Amino acid sequence: MTGPSVTADPGCLPVRGDLAHIKLAGLYFVPHYAVPMPRRIAPGAVLRVMSRADADPIRELPAGEIFNVLDIAGNWAWGQLGEDGHVGYVALDALEAQD
């Protein structure tokens, strides 16, 4: 990879300082790239800016839709709504395995 890496606007792309979606390899330089783990969203799930229950909400997530998990830490998952939706943190208990 040559040239400077591009800074992404938080919330728009599944990239943060240490990790990015594998589809962004070659576009954003980070130490690790992750293949998404699709999970179904449970009713009442909220996407947050940080991995804390008292963190600011980004939006309520639509039940039954897919959330692509890229990282899990403690009781929180970081990822993206669908293939091109909002990016943030969701409580793990608000995500279900896909059928």
N, C-alpha and C. Protein backbone atom coordinates (compact mmCIF):
# COMPACT_ATOMS: atom_id res chain seq x y z
N MET A 1 0.84 -1.17 0.00
CA MET A 1 0.00 0.00 0.00
C MET A 1 0.89 1.23 0.00
N THR A 2 0.55 2.19 -0.82
CA THR A 2 1.35 3.41 -0.88
C THR A 2 0.48 4.62 -0.60
N GLY A 3 1.10 5.70 -0.21
CA GLY A 3 0.38 6.94 0.04
C GLY A 3 -0.22 6.97 1.43
N PRO A 4 -0.75 8.11 1.81
CA PRO A 4 -1.32 8.25 3.15
C PRO A 4 -2.64 7.51 3.26
N SER A 5 -2.96 7.06 4.48
CA SER A 5 -4.27 6.44 4.69
C SER A 5 -5.31 7.55 4.77
N VAL A 6 -6.55 7.21 4.50
CA VAL A 6 -7.64 8.17 4.49
C VAL A 6 -8.35 8.11 5.84
N THR A 7 -8.72 9.25 6.38
CA THR A 7 -9.45 9.29 7.63
C THR A 7 -10.94 9.18 7.33
N ALA A 8 -11.59 8.25 8.01
CA ALA A 8 -13.02 8.02 7.79
C ALA A 8 -13.85 8.81 8.80
N ASP A 9 -15.03 9.21 8.40
CA ASP A 9 -15.97 9.87 9.28
C ASP A 9 -16.62 8.79 10.14
N PRO A 10 -16.50 8.85 11.48
CA PRO A 10 -17.12 7.84 12.33
C PRO A 10 -18.62 7.74 12.04
N GLY A 11 -19.11 6.54 11.99
CA GLY A 11 -20.53 6.33 11.72
C GLY A 11 -20.84 6.06 10.28
N CYS A 12 -19.90 6.32 9.38
CA CYS A 12 -20.16 6.14 7.95
C CYS A 12 -19.54 4.86 7.39
N LEU A 13 -18.39 4.49 7.89
CA LEU A 13 -17.68 3.33 7.38
C LEU A 13 -17.26 2.41 8.53
N PRO A 14 -17.23 1.11 8.30
CA PRO A 14 -16.80 0.18 9.35
C PRO A 14 -15.28 0.15 9.49
N VAL A 15 -14.73 1.25 9.99
CA VAL A 15 -13.30 1.37 10.20
C VAL A 15 -13.07 2.19 11.46
N ARG A 16 -12.12 1.75 12.27
CA ARG A 16 -11.69 2.51 13.43
C ARG A 16 -10.17 2.39 13.49
N GLY A 17 -9.51 2.97 14.45
CA GLY A 17 -8.05 3.02 14.47
C GLY A 17 -7.35 1.69 14.45
N ASP A 18 -7.98 0.64 14.99
CA ASP A 18 -7.32 -0.66 15.10
C ASP A 18 -7.91 -1.75 14.23
N LEU A 19 -9.05 -1.48 13.57
CA LEU A 19 -9.78 -2.55 12.90
C LEU A 19 -10.66 -1.97 11.79
N ALA A 20 -10.83 -2.76 10.73
CA ALA A 20 -11.74 -2.37 9.64
C ALA A 20 -12.35 -3.61 9.03
N HIS A 21 -13.47 -3.43 8.38
CA HIS A 21 -14.13 -4.48 7.61
C HIS A 21 -13.17 -4.92 6.51
N ILE A 22 -13.13 -6.20 6.21
CA ILE A 22 -12.22 -6.73 5.20
C ILE A 22 -12.44 -6.09 3.82
N LYS A 23 -13.67 -5.63 3.56
CA LYS A 23 -13.94 -5.00 2.26
C LYS A 23 -13.18 -3.68 2.08
N LEU A 24 -12.62 -3.15 3.18
CA LEU A 24 -11.88 -1.89 3.11
C LEU A 24 -10.37 -2.09 3.02
N ALA A 25 -9.92 -3.34 2.98
CA ALA A 25 -8.48 -3.61 2.83
C ALA A 25 -8.01 -2.99 1.52
N GLY A 26 -6.91 -2.30 1.58
CA GLY A 26 -6.38 -1.63 0.41
C GLY A 26 -6.86 -0.19 0.29
N LEU A 27 -7.91 0.16 1.03
CA LEU A 27 -8.41 1.53 1.03
C LEU A 27 -8.08 2.27 2.32
N TYR A 28 -8.09 1.54 3.44
CA TYR A 28 -7.79 2.11 4.75
C TYR A 28 -6.72 1.26 5.40
N PHE A 29 -5.72 1.91 5.96
CA PHE A 29 -4.63 1.20 6.60
C PHE A 29 -4.89 1.10 8.10
N VAL A 30 -5.10 -0.13 8.58
CA VAL A 30 -5.29 -0.41 10.01
C VAL A 30 -4.52 -1.69 10.32
N PRO A 31 -4.24 -1.97 11.59
CA PRO A 31 -3.50 -3.18 11.93
C PRO A 31 -4.24 -4.49 11.62
N HIS A 32 -5.59 -4.46 11.67
CA HIS A 32 -6.36 -5.69 11.48
C HIS A 32 -7.59 -5.43 10.62
N TYR A 33 -7.94 -6.46 9.82
CA TYR A 33 -9.17 -6.45 9.03
C TYR A 33 -9.99 -7.64 9.47
N ALA A 34 -11.31 -7.46 9.56
CA ALA A 34 -12.18 -8.52 10.05
C ALA A 34 -13.22 -8.91 9.01
N VAL A 35 -13.50 -10.21 8.96
CA VAL A 35 -14.60 -10.73 8.16
C VAL A 35 -15.84 -10.64 9.05
N PRO A 36 -16.93 -10.06 8.56
CA PRO A 36 -18.10 -9.87 9.42
C PRO A 36 -18.76 -11.19 9.83
N MET A 37 -19.32 -11.17 11.03
CA MET A 37 -20.12 -12.29 11.56
C MET A 37 -21.56 -11.79 11.62
N PRO A 38 -22.40 -12.15 10.64
CA PRO A 38 -23.77 -11.64 10.61
C PRO A 38 -24.60 -12.18 11.78
N ARG A 39 -25.34 -11.27 12.43
CA ARG A 39 -26.23 -11.63 13.53
C ARG A 39 -27.57 -10.93 13.30
N ARG A 40 -28.65 -11.58 13.72
CA ARG A 40 -29.98 -11.00 13.61
C ARG A 40 -30.22 -10.08 14.80
N ILE A 41 -30.82 -8.93 14.56
CA ILE A 41 -31.07 -7.93 15.58
C ILE A 41 -32.36 -8.27 16.32
N ALA A 42 -32.30 -8.30 17.66
CA ALA A 42 -33.46 -8.55 18.49
C ALA A 42 -34.26 -7.25 18.68
N PRO A 43 -35.54 -7.36 19.02
CA PRO A 43 -36.33 -6.16 19.27
C PRO A 43 -35.73 -5.32 20.40
N GLY A 44 -35.77 -4.00 20.23
CA GLY A 44 -35.30 -3.08 21.25
C GLY A 44 -33.80 -2.80 21.23
N ALA A 45 -33.08 -3.33 20.25
CA ALA A 45 -31.63 -3.11 20.18
C ALA A 45 -31.32 -1.66 19.82
N VAL A 46 -30.29 -1.12 20.47
CA VAL A 46 -29.89 0.27 20.25
C VAL A 46 -28.42 0.30 19.85
N LEU A 47 -28.12 1.02 18.80
CA LEU A 47 -26.74 1.24 18.36
C LEU A 47 -26.19 2.45 19.11
N ARG A 48 -25.00 2.29 19.71
CA ARG A 48 -24.44 3.35 20.55
C ARG A 48 -23.05 3.76 20.04
N VAL A 49 -22.62 4.97 20.45
CA VAL A 49 -21.33 5.48 20.01
C VAL A 49 -20.17 4.83 20.75
N MET A 50 -20.42 4.28 21.93
CA MET A 50 -19.39 3.61 22.72
C MET A 50 -20.00 2.34 23.33
N SER A 51 -19.14 1.48 23.84
CA SER A 51 -19.58 0.20 24.40
C SER A 51 -19.97 0.34 25.88
N ARG A 52 -20.98 1.17 26.11
CA ARG A 52 -21.52 1.37 27.46
C ARG A 52 -23.01 1.62 27.36
N ALA A 53 -23.76 1.12 28.33
CA ALA A 53 -25.21 1.30 28.31
C ALA A 53 -25.62 2.76 28.43
N ASP A 54 -24.77 3.60 29.03
CA ASP A 54 -25.10 5.01 29.17
C ASP A 54 -24.49 5.88 28.06
N ALA A 55 -23.90 5.24 27.05
CA ALA A 55 -23.33 5.99 25.91
C ALA A 55 -24.46 6.56 25.05
N ASP A 56 -24.16 7.63 24.35
CA ASP A 56 -25.15 8.25 23.47
C ASP A 56 -25.64 7.26 22.43
N PRO A 57 -26.96 7.21 22.22
CA PRO A 57 -27.49 6.33 21.16
C PRO A 57 -27.30 6.96 19.79
N ILE A 58 -27.05 6.12 18.81
CA ILE A 58 -27.00 6.57 17.43
C ILE A 58 -28.38 6.42 16.82
N ARG A 59 -28.97 5.24 17.05
CA ARG A 59 -30.32 4.96 16.56
C ARG A 59 -30.81 3.63 17.14
N GLU A 60 -32.11 3.44 17.10
CA GLU A 60 -32.68 2.14 17.43
C GLU A 60 -32.54 1.29 16.18
N LEU A 61 -32.20 0.03 16.37
CA LEU A 61 -31.98 -0.86 15.22
C LEU A 61 -33.26 -1.61 14.88
N PRO A 62 -33.49 -1.88 13.60
CA PRO A 62 -34.70 -2.58 13.18
C PRO A 62 -34.62 -4.08 13.51
N ALA A 63 -35.58 -4.54 14.30
CA ALA A 63 -35.62 -5.97 14.68
C ALA A 63 -35.70 -6.85 13.44
N GLY A 64 -34.95 -7.94 13.47
CA GLY A 64 -34.96 -8.90 12.37
C GLY A 64 -33.95 -8.62 11.28
N GLU A 65 -33.40 -7.41 11.24
CA GLU A 65 -32.39 -7.07 10.23
C GLU A 65 -31.04 -7.65 10.65
N ILE A 66 -30.05 -7.54 9.77
CA ILE A 66 -28.72 -8.08 10.02
C ILE A 66 -27.77 -7.01 10.53
N PHE A 67 -27.02 -7.34 11.59
CA PHE A 67 -25.93 -6.51 12.09
C PHE A 67 -24.66 -7.30 11.87
N ASN A 68 -23.72 -6.74 11.13
CA ASN A 68 -22.45 -7.41 10.83
C ASN A 68 -21.44 -7.11 11.93
N VAL A 69 -21.21 -8.09 12.80
CA VAL A 69 -20.29 -7.94 13.92
C VAL A 69 -18.86 -8.06 13.41
N LEU A 70 -18.04 -7.07 13.78
CA LEU A 70 -16.63 -7.07 13.39
C LEU A 70 -15.69 -7.25 14.58
N ASP A 71 -16.19 -6.99 15.79
CA ASP A 71 -15.38 -7.14 16.99
C ASP A 71 -16.30 -7.34 18.19
N ILE A 72 -15.85 -8.18 19.12
CA ILE A 72 -16.58 -8.41 20.37
C ILE A 72 -15.61 -8.16 21.51
N ALA A 73 -16.06 -7.35 22.46
CA ALA A 73 -15.27 -7.07 23.66
C ALA A 73 -16.23 -7.00 24.84
N GLY A 74 -16.05 -7.91 25.79
CA GLY A 74 -16.96 -7.96 26.93
C GLY A 74 -18.36 -8.31 26.47
N ASN A 75 -19.32 -7.49 26.83
CA ASN A 75 -20.72 -7.73 26.47
C ASN A 75 -21.18 -6.88 25.29
N TRP A 76 -20.22 -6.39 24.50
CA TRP A 76 -20.55 -5.49 23.41
C TRP A 76 -19.96 -5.97 22.08
N ALA A 77 -20.70 -5.70 21.02
CA ALA A 77 -20.24 -5.99 19.66
C ALA A 77 -20.11 -4.67 18.92
N TRP A 78 -19.05 -4.54 18.14
CA TRP A 78 -18.87 -3.38 17.27
C TRP A 78 -19.05 -3.86 15.85
N GLY A 79 -19.80 -3.11 15.06
CA GLY A 79 -20.00 -3.50 13.67
C GLY A 79 -20.90 -2.53 12.94
N GLN A 80 -21.57 -3.07 11.90
CA GLN A 80 -22.32 -2.24 10.97
C GLN A 80 -23.70 -2.84 10.71
N LEU A 81 -24.69 -1.97 10.63
CA LEU A 81 -26.03 -2.38 10.25
C LEU A 81 -26.02 -2.72 8.77
N GLY A 82 -26.29 -3.98 8.45
CA GLY A 82 -26.29 -4.41 7.05
C GLY A 82 -24.94 -4.21 6.39
N GLU A 83 -24.97 -3.94 5.10
CA GLU A 83 -23.73 -3.77 4.33
C GLU A 83 -23.26 -2.33 4.23
N ASP A 84 -24.16 -1.38 4.47
CA ASP A 84 -23.77 0.02 4.31
C ASP A 84 -24.47 0.96 5.29
N GLY A 85 -24.96 0.41 6.40
CA GLY A 85 -25.65 1.23 7.39
C GLY A 85 -24.73 1.82 8.44
N HIS A 86 -25.34 2.32 9.50
CA HIS A 86 -24.60 2.95 10.59
C HIS A 86 -23.65 1.97 11.27
N VAL A 87 -22.59 2.51 11.83
CA VAL A 87 -21.57 1.74 12.53
C VAL A 87 -21.56 2.16 14.00
N GLY A 88 -21.43 1.17 14.88
CA GLY A 88 -21.36 1.47 16.31
C GLY A 88 -21.38 0.21 17.14
N TYR A 89 -21.76 0.38 18.39
CA TYR A 89 -21.75 -0.70 19.38
C TYR A 89 -23.16 -1.13 19.74
N VAL A 90 -23.33 -2.45 19.89
CA VAL A 90 -24.61 -3.03 20.28
C VAL A 90 -24.34 -4.04 21.40
N ALA A 91 -25.21 -4.06 22.40
CA ALA A 91 -25.09 -5.06 23.46
C ALA A 91 -25.24 -6.45 22.84
N LEU A 92 -24.38 -7.38 23.25
CA LEU A 92 -24.41 -8.74 22.69
C LEU A 92 -25.75 -9.42 22.90
N ASP A 93 -26.40 -9.16 24.02
CA ASP A 93 -27.69 -9.82 24.27
C ASP A 93 -28.81 -9.30 23.37
N ALA A 94 -28.54 -8.29 22.54
CA ALA A 94 -29.51 -7.77 21.60
C ALA A 94 -29.29 -8.34 20.19
N LEU A 95 -28.36 -9.29 20.08
CA LEU A 95 -28.06 -9.93 18.81
C LEU A 95 -28.27 -11.43 18.92
N GLU A 96 -28.81 -12.02 17.87
CA GLU A 96 -29.08 -13.45 17.85
C GLU A 96 -28.38 -14.11 16.68
N ALA A 97 -28.05 -15.37 16.84
CA ALA A 97 -27.43 -16.12 15.74
C ALA A 97 -28.42 -16.19 14.58
N GLN A 98 -27.88 -16.16 13.38
CA GLN A 98 -28.74 -16.27 12.19
C GLN A 98 -29.23 -17.69 12.04
N ASP A 99 -30.44 -17.84 11.48
CA ASP A 99 -30.98 -19.19 11.21
C ASP A 99 -30.26 -19.84 10.06
